[in-house]
Amino acid sequence: MAGQDSLALAASPPAGATVEVCPPRAELPPFSEIYQRYFAFVWSSVKHLGIAPGSIDDVVQEVFIVIHAKLHTVQRPESLRSWVYGVVRRTVSGHRRARKADGVQSDRLEETAVAAGSTPLDAAEQNAQLAVLSSLLAEIDEPKREVFFLAELEEMTVPEIAEALEIPVNTAYSRLRAARQAFEAGLARRAARPTEKGLR
């Protein structure tokens, strides 16, 4: 009995000591849940990265095939969205290389979705706003534009973006700041043109 008491005391922390409890490791959701949760994110990311509308669905399907095959390699489930975007970038890059090898030139055709019940005037105004937005984004160089898209449109945090793009966090912050400045400068230039209606 005395020996058991001694072992119990030895296993107990000293009085007043702080005991650190490791948080439980996040678990990966099943693939079906990942598909539902990230489909819109993957689709918009593929479109933003320049895939023509006619090829978007095929590339999105390819992305999820890769996700399904590689899901077991995820080391940090809490960073799943960053990992998914990394798959998107690599898949899009592979798609572009394949098209280039086949002699097909990449394009950036824009596809606009008009809400059901919209009038022709509504559609025209929406298309005009999208055209201005597209024009403003086109003035920003691609590395900064990608960070801007992920932060402002996909609402990813800067650390998430840095992880997804495999760049230092400070670099991501710098690119986002420069992109925002360029975007605001573009808006200001358009606002100064009295005959042009743009984003206000």
C-alpha atoms as a PDB file:
ATOM      1  CA  MET A   1       0.000   0.000   0.000  1.00  0.00           C
ATOM      2  CA  ALA A   2       2.801   2.386   0.939  1.00  0.00           C
ATOM      3  CA  GLY A   3       4.493   1.666  -2.389  1.00  0.00           C
ATOM      4  CA  GLN A   4       1.280   2.510  -4.281  1.00  0.00           C
ATOM      5  CA  ASP A   5       0.944   5.771  -2.347  1.00  0.00           C
ATOM      6  CA  SER A   6       4.517   6.690  -3.260  1.00  0.00           C
ATOM      7  CA  LEU A   7       3.840   6.012  -6.946  1.00  0.00           C
ATOM      8  CA  ALA A   8       0.685   8.116  -6.854  1.00  0.00           C
ATOM      9  CA  LEU A   9       2.558  11.021  -5.271  1.00  0.00           C
ATOM     10  CA  ALA A  10       5.363  10.722  -7.815  1.00  0.00           C
ATOM     11  CA  ALA A  11       2.837  10.851 -10.683  1.00  0.00           C
ATOM     12  CA  SER A  12       1.067  13.904  -9.267  1.00  0.00           C
ATOM     13  CA  PRO A  13       2.297  17.411 -10.165  1.00  0.00           C
ATOM     14  CA  PRO A  14       3.813  19.496  -7.366  1.00  0.00           C
ATOM     15  CA  ALA A  15       1.437  21.778  -5.492  1.00  0.00           C
ATOM     16  CA  GLY A  16       0.884  25.017  -7.393  1.00  0.00           C
ATOM     17  CA  ALA A  17       2.348  23.672 -10.627  1.00  0.00           C
ATOM     18  CA  THR A  18       0.641  24.564 -13.919  1.00  0.00           C
ATOM     19  CA  VAL A  19      -0.456  21.554 -15.926  1.00  0.00           C
ATOM     20  CA  GLU A  20      -0.608  22.103 -19.697  1.00  0.00           C
ATOM     21  CA  VAL A  21      -3.407  20.253 -21.404  1.00  0.00           C
ATOM     22  CA  CYS A  22      -2.868  19.711 -25.122  1.00  0.00           C
ATOM     23  CA  PRO A  23      -5.972  20.616 -27.139  1.00  0.00           C
ATOM     24  CA  PRO A  24      -7.545  17.706 -28.988  1.00  0.00           C
ATOM     25  CA  ARG A  25      -6.285  17.361 -32.546  1.00  0.00           C
ATOM     26  CA  ALA A  26      -8.790  18.521 -35.141  1.00  0.00           C
ATOM     27  CA  GLU A  27     -10.223  15.743 -37.246  1.00  0.00           C
ATOM     28  CA  LEU A  28     -10.785  15.815 -40.979  1.00  0.00           C
ATOM     29  CA  PRO A  29     -14.423  15.773 -42.040  1.00  0.00           C
ATOM     30  CA  PRO A  30     -15.502  13.093 -44.517  1.00  0.00           C
ATOM     31  CA  PHE A  31     -14.999  13.811 -48.212  1.00  0.00           C
ATOM     32  CA  SER A  32     -18.732  14.316 -48.809  1.00  0.00           C
ATOM     33  CA  GLU A  33     -18.769  17.132 -46.265  1.00  0.00           C
ATOM     34  CA  ILE A  34     -15.605  18.682 -47.720  1.00  0.00           C
ATOM     35  CA  TYR A  35     -17.211  18.625 -51.168  1.00  0.00           C
ATOM     36  CA  GLN A  36     -20.324  20.435 -49.936  1.00  0.00           C
ATOM     37  CA  ARG A  37     -18.379  22.896 -47.793  1.00  0.00           C
ATOM     38  CA  TYR A  38     -15.773  23.877 -50.379  1.00  0.00           C
ATOM     39  CA  PHE A  39     -17.502  23.484 -53.742  1.00  0.00           C
ATOM     40  CA  ALA A  40     -18.365  27.188 -54.146  1.00  0.00           C
ATOM     41  CA  PHE A  41     -14.884  28.181 -52.949  1.00  0.00           C
ATOM     42  CA  VAL A  42     -13.199  25.833 -55.426  1.00  0.00           C
ATOM     43  CA  TRP A  43     -15.454  26.931 -58.284  1.00  0.00           C
ATOM     44  CA  SER A  44     -14.863  30.662 -57.753  1.00  0.00           C
ATOM     45  CA  SER A  45     -11.123  30.100 -57.280  1.00  0.00           C
ATOM     46  CA  VAL A  46     -10.849  28.127 -60.522  1.00  0.00           C
ATOM     47  CA  LYS A  47     -12.748  30.871 -62.349  1.00  0.00           C
ATOM     48  CA  HIS A  48     -10.607  33.614 -60.815  1.00  0.00           C
ATOM     49  CA  LEU A  49      -7.402  31.850 -61.828  1.00  0.00           C
ATOM     50  CA  GLY A  50      -8.343  32.286 -65.461  1.00  0.00           C
ATOM     51  CA  ILE A  51     -10.002  29.064 -66.549  1.00  0.00           C
ATOM     52  CA  ALA A  52     -12.462  29.679 -69.392  1.00  0.00           C
ATOM     53  CA  PRO A  53     -16.151  29.160 -68.480  1.00  0.00           C
ATOM     54  CA  GLY A  54     -16.457  26.100 -70.699  1.00  0.00           C
ATOM     55  CA  SER A  55     -13.672  24.322 -68.793  1.00  0.00           C
ATOM     56  CA  ILE A  56     -14.478  25.353 -65.224  1.00  0.00           C
ATOM     57  CA  ASP A  57     -16.669  22.356 -64.384  1.00  0.00           C
ATOM     58  CA  ASP A  58     -14.077  19.903 -65.686  1.00  0.00           C
ATOM     59  CA  VAL A  59     -11.279  21.532 -63.692  1.00  0.00           C
ATOM     60  CA  VAL A  60     -13.408  21.672 -60.536  1.00  0.00           C
ATOM     61  CA  GLN A  61     -14.147  17.959 -60.921  1.00  0.00           C
ATOM     62  CA  GLU A  62     -10.432  17.286 -61.325  1.00  0.00           C
ATOM     63  CA  VAL A  63      -9.697  19.301 -58.171  1.00  0.00           C
ATOM     64  CA  PHE A  64     -12.065  17.164 -56.115  1.00  0.00           C
ATOM     65  CA  ILE A  65     -10.648  13.965 -57.592  1.00  0.00           C
ATOM     66  CA  VAL A  66      -7.221  15.083 -56.339  1.00  0.00           C
ATOM     67  CA  ILE A  67      -8.656  16.102 -52.960  1.00  0.00           C
ATOM     68  CA  HIS A  68     -10.273  12.677 -52.582  1.00  0.00           C
ATOM     69  CA  ALA A  69      -7.031  10.923 -53.486  1.00  0.00           C
ATOM     70  CA  LYS A  70      -4.749  13.082 -51.340  1.00  0.00           C
ATOM     71  CA  LEU A  71      -6.953  13.782 -48.337  1.00  0.00           C
ATOM     72  CA  HIS A  72      -5.036  11.302 -46.216  1.00  0.00           C
ATOM     73  CA  THR A  73      -1.889  13.435 -46.616  1.00  0.00           C
ATOM     74  CA  VAL A  74      -3.346  16.453 -44.784  1.00  0.00           C
ATOM     75  CA  GLN A  75      -1.190  17.075 -41.730  1.00  0.00           C
ATOM     76  CA  ARG A  76      -3.125  19.987 -40.225  1.00  0.00           C
ATOM     77  CA  PRO A  77      -6.909  19.606 -40.504  1.00  0.00           C
ATOM     78  CA  GLU A  78      -7.364  23.102 -39.078  1.00  0.00           C
ATOM     79  CA  SER A  79      -5.698  24.469 -42.237  1.00  0.00           C
ATOM     80  CA  LEU A  80      -7.893  22.505 -44.631  1.00  0.00           C
ATOM     81  CA  ARG A  81      -9.049  25.533 -46.648  1.00  0.00           C
ATOM     82  CA  SER A  82      -5.461  26.588 -47.327  1.00  0.00           C
ATOM     83  CA  TRP A  83      -4.643  23.027 -48.388  1.00  0.00           C
ATOM     84  CA  VAL A  84      -7.670  22.924 -50.696  1.00  0.00           C
ATOM     85  CA  TYR A  85      -6.599  26.154 -52.378  1.00  0.00           C
ATOM     86  CA  GLY A  86      -3.130  24.712 -52.879  1.00  0.00           C
ATOM     87  CA  VAL A  87      -4.745  21.775 -54.712  1.00  0.00           C
ATOM     88  CA  VAL A  88      -6.718  24.249 -56.821  1.00  0.00           C
ATOM     89  CA  ARG A  89      -3.590  26.162 -57.843  1.00  0.00           C
ATOM     90  CA  ARG A  90      -1.666  23.027 -58.787  1.00  0.00           C
ATOM     91  CA  THR A  91      -4.603  21.597 -60.716  1.00  0.00           C
ATOM     92  CA  VAL A  92      -5.141  24.831 -62.635  1.00  0.00           C
ATOM     93  CA  SER A  93      -1.433  24.996 -63.414  1.00  0.00           C
ATOM     94  CA  GLY A  94      -1.526  21.425 -64.733  1.00  0.00           C
ATOM     95  CA  HIS A  95      -4.594  22.235 -66.831  1.00  0.00           C
ATOM     96  CA  ARG A  96      -2.830  25.227 -68.367  1.00  0.00           C
ATOM     97  CA  ARG A  97       0.267  23.191 -69.185  1.00  0.00           C
ATOM     98  CA  ALA A  98      -1.868  20.536 -70.848  1.00  0.00           C
ATOM     99  CA  ARG A  99      -3.718  23.125 -72.944  1.00  0.00           C
ATOM    100  CA  LYS A 100      -0.453  24.752 -73.923  1.00  0.00           C
ATOM    101  CA  ALA A 101       0.972  21.383 -74.958  1.00  0.00           C
ATOM    102  CA  ASP A 102      -2.113  20.846 -77.107  1.00  0.00           C
ATOM    103  CA  GLY A 103      -1.589  24.245 -78.730  1.00  0.00           C
ATOM    104  CA  VAL A 104      -4.630  25.840 -77.058  1.00  0.00           C
ATOM    105  CA  GLN A 105      -4.198  29.416 -75.924  1.00  0.00           C
ATOM    106  CA  SER A 106      -5.504  30.227 -72.468  1.00  0.00           C
ATOM    107  CA  ASP A 107      -8.150  32.870 -72.185  1.00  0.00           C
ATOM    108  CA  ARG A 108      -9.912  34.816 -69.496  1.00  0.00           C
ATOM    109  CA  LEU A 109     -13.453  34.848 -70.755  1.00  0.00           C
ATOM    110  CA  GLU A 110     -15.784  36.370 -68.228  1.00  0.00           C
ATOM    111  CA  GLU A 111     -19.021  34.685 -67.281  1.00  0.00           C
ATOM    112  CA  THR A 112     -21.666  36.745 -65.530  1.00  0.00           C
ATOM    113  CA  ALA A 113     -24.541  35.299 -63.579  1.00  0.00           C
ATOM    114  CA  VAL A 114     -27.711  37.374 -63.620  1.00  0.00           C
ATOM    115  CA  ALA A 115     -30.195  36.834 -60.838  1.00  0.00           C
ATOM    116  CA  ALA A 116     -33.519  35.259 -61.760  1.00  0.00           C
ATOM    117  CA  GLY A 117     -36.206  37.856 -62.397  1.00  0.00           C
ATOM    118  CA  SER A 118     -33.740  40.607 -63.240  1.00  0.00           C
ATOM    119  CA  THR A 119     -34.783  43.088 -65.879  1.00  0.00           C
ATOM    120  CA  PRO A 120     -32.568  43.808 -68.917  1.00  0.00           C
ATOM    121  CA  LEU A 121     -31.614  47.102 -67.248  1.00  0.00           C
ATOM    122  CA  ASP A 122     -30.597  45.263 -64.054  1.00  0.00           C
ATOM    123  CA  ALA A 123     -28.528  42.844 -66.109  1.00  0.00           C
ATOM    124  CA  ALA A 124     -26.854  45.682 -67.995  1.00  0.00           C
ATOM    125  CA  GLU A 125     -25.977  47.513 -64.770  1.00  0.00           C
ATOM    126  CA  GLN A 126     -24.669  44.327 -63.154  1.00  0.00           C
ATOM    127  CA  ASN A 127     -22.557  43.524 -66.214  1.00  0.00           C
ATOM    128  CA  ALA A 128     -21.200  47.081 -66.268  1.00  0.00           C
ATOM    129  CA  GLN A 129     -20.189  46.842 -62.595  1.00  0.00           C
ATOM    130  CA  LEU A 130     -18.580  43.456 -63.143  1.00  0.00           C
ATOM    131  CA  ALA A 131     -16.710  44.843 -66.147  1.00  0.00           C
ATOM    132  CA  VAL A 132     -15.349  47.712 -64.037  1.00  0.00           C
ATOM    133  CA  LEU A 133     -14.388  45.335 -61.225  1.00  0.00           C
ATOM    134  CA  SER A 134     -12.659  43.047 -63.713  1.00  0.00           C
ATOM    135  CA  SER A 135     -10.848  46.021 -65.220  1.00  0.00           C
ATOM    136  CA  LEU A 136      -9.687  47.233 -61.809  1.00  0.00           C
ATOM    137  CA  LEU A 137      -8.399  43.803 -60.850  1.00  0.00           C
ATOM    138  CA  ALA A 138      -6.624  43.470 -64.203  1.00  0.00           C
ATOM    139  CA  GLU A 139      -4.555  46.552 -63.332  1.00  0.00           C
ATOM    140  CA  ILE A 140      -3.083  44.749 -60.315  1.00  0.00           C
ATOM    141  CA  ASP A 141      -0.212  42.360 -60.966  1.00  0.00           C
ATOM    142  CA  GLU A 142      -1.080  38.699 -60.525  1.00  0.00           C
ATOM    143  CA  PRO A 143       0.659  37.913 -57.186  1.00  0.00           C
ATOM    144  CA  LYS A 144      -1.042  40.870 -55.480  1.00  0.00           C
ATOM    145  CA  ARG A 145      -4.347  40.231 -57.261  1.00  0.00           C
ATOM    146  CA  GLU A 146      -4.419  36.651 -55.983  1.00  0.00           C
ATOM    147  CA  VAL A 147      -3.925  37.769 -52.374  1.00  0.00           C
ATOM    148  CA  PHE A 148      -6.578  40.476 -52.835  1.00  0.00           C
ATOM    149  CA  PHE A 149      -9.053  37.938 -54.227  1.00  0.00           C
ATOM    150  CA  LEU A 150      -8.538  35.508 -51.354  1.00  0.00           C
ATOM    151  CA  ALA A 151      -8.754  38.209 -48.687  1.00  0.00           C
ATOM    152  CA  GLU A 152     -11.550  40.407 -50.026  1.00  0.00           C
ATOM    153  CA  LEU A 153     -13.727  37.983 -51.956  1.00  0.00           C
ATOM    154  CA  GLU A 154     -13.091  34.654 -50.233  1.00  0.00           C
ATOM    155  CA  GLU A 155     -12.534  36.219 -46.788  1.00  0.00           C
ATOM    156  CA  MET A 156      -9.467  34.136 -45.974  1.00  0.00           C
ATOM    157  CA  THR A 157      -7.188  35.387 -43.221  1.00  0.00           C
ATOM    158  CA  VAL A 158      -3.705  36.565 -44.168  1.00  0.00           C
ATOM    159  CA  PRO A 159      -2.029  33.629 -42.352  1.00  0.00           C
ATOM    160  CA  GLU A 160      -4.304  31.251 -44.295  1.00  0.00           C
ATOM    161  CA  ILE A 161      -3.360  32.984 -47.540  1.00  0.00           C
ATOM    162  CA  ALA A 162       0.333  32.821 -46.728  1.00  0.00           C
ATOM    163  CA  GLU A 163       0.051  29.097 -46.049  1.00  0.00           C
ATOM    164  CA  ALA A 164      -1.968  28.458 -49.212  1.00  0.00           C
ATOM    165  CA  LEU A 165       0.476  30.391 -51.413  1.00  0.00           C
ATOM    166  CA  GLU A 166       3.544  29.135 -49.525  1.00  0.00           C
ATOM    167  CA  ILE A 167       4.846  32.643 -48.884  1.00  0.00           C
ATOM    168  CA  PRO A 168       5.886  34.445 -45.665  1.00  0.00           C
ATOM    169  CA  VAL A 169       3.043  36.071 -43.738  1.00  0.00           C
ATOM    170  CA  ASN A 170       4.736  39.475 -44.008  1.00  0.00           C
ATOM    171  CA  THR A 171       4.878  39.090 -47.786  1.00  0.00           C
ATOM    172  CA  ALA A 172       1.160  38.299 -47.866  1.00  0.00           C
ATOM    173  CA  TYR A 173       0.384  41.390 -45.777  1.00  0.00           C
ATOM    174  CA  SER A 174       2.583  43.520 -48.045  1.00  0.00           C
ATOM    175  CA  ARG A 175       0.904  42.241 -51.218  1.00  0.00           C
ATOM    176  CA  LEU A 176      -2.568  42.763 -49.771  1.00  0.00           C
ATOM    177  CA  ARG A 177      -1.753  46.301 -48.703  1.00  0.00           C
ATOM    178  CA  ALA A 178      -0.327  47.143 -52.145  1.00  0.00           C
ATOM    179  CA  ALA A 179      -3.306  45.537 -53.898  1.00  0.00           C
ATOM    180  CA  ARG A 180      -5.787  47.516 -51.816  1.00  0.00           C
ATOM    181  CA  GLN A 181      -3.929  50.727 -52.572  1.00  0.00           C
ATOM    182  CA  ALA A 182      -3.922  49.939 -56.296  1.00  0.00           C
ATOM    183  CA  PHE A 183      -7.626  49.074 -56.206  1.00  0.00           C
ATOM    184  CA  GLU A 184      -8.537  52.284 -54.375  1.00  0.00           C
ATOM    185  CA  ALA A 185      -6.383  54.319 -56.787  1.00  0.00           C
ATOM    186  CA  GLY A 186      -8.204  52.722 -59.712  1.00  0.00           C
ATOM    187  CA  LEU A 187     -11.571  53.566 -58.168  1.00  0.00           C
ATOM    188  CA  ALA A 188     -10.454  57.160 -57.628  1.00  0.00           C
ATOM    189  CA  ARG A 189      -9.375  57.498 -61.256  1.00  0.00           C
ATOM    190  CA  ARG A 190     -12.734  56.260 -62.469  1.00  0.00           C
ATOM    191  CA  ALA A 191     -14.632  58.476 -60.058  1.00  0.00           C
ATOM    192  CA  ALA A 192     -12.785  61.471 -61.513  1.00  0.00           C
ATOM    193  CA  ARG A 193     -14.160  60.719 -64.976  1.00  0.00           C
ATOM    194  CA  PRO A 194     -17.525  62.519 -65.180  1.00  0.00           C
ATOM    195  CA  THR A 195     -18.780  60.535 -68.167  1.00  0.00           C
ATOM    196  CA  GLU A 196     -17.963  57.095 -66.819  1.00  0.00           C
ATOM    197  CA  LYS A 197     -20.208  55.247 -64.366  1.00  0.00           C
ATOM    198  CA  GLY A 198     -18.331  52.666 -62.360  1.00  0.00           C
ATOM    199  CA  LEU A 199     -18.285  51.237 -58.889  1.00  0.00           C
ATOM    200  CA  ARG A 200     -19.065  53.818 -56.248  1.00  0.00           C
END
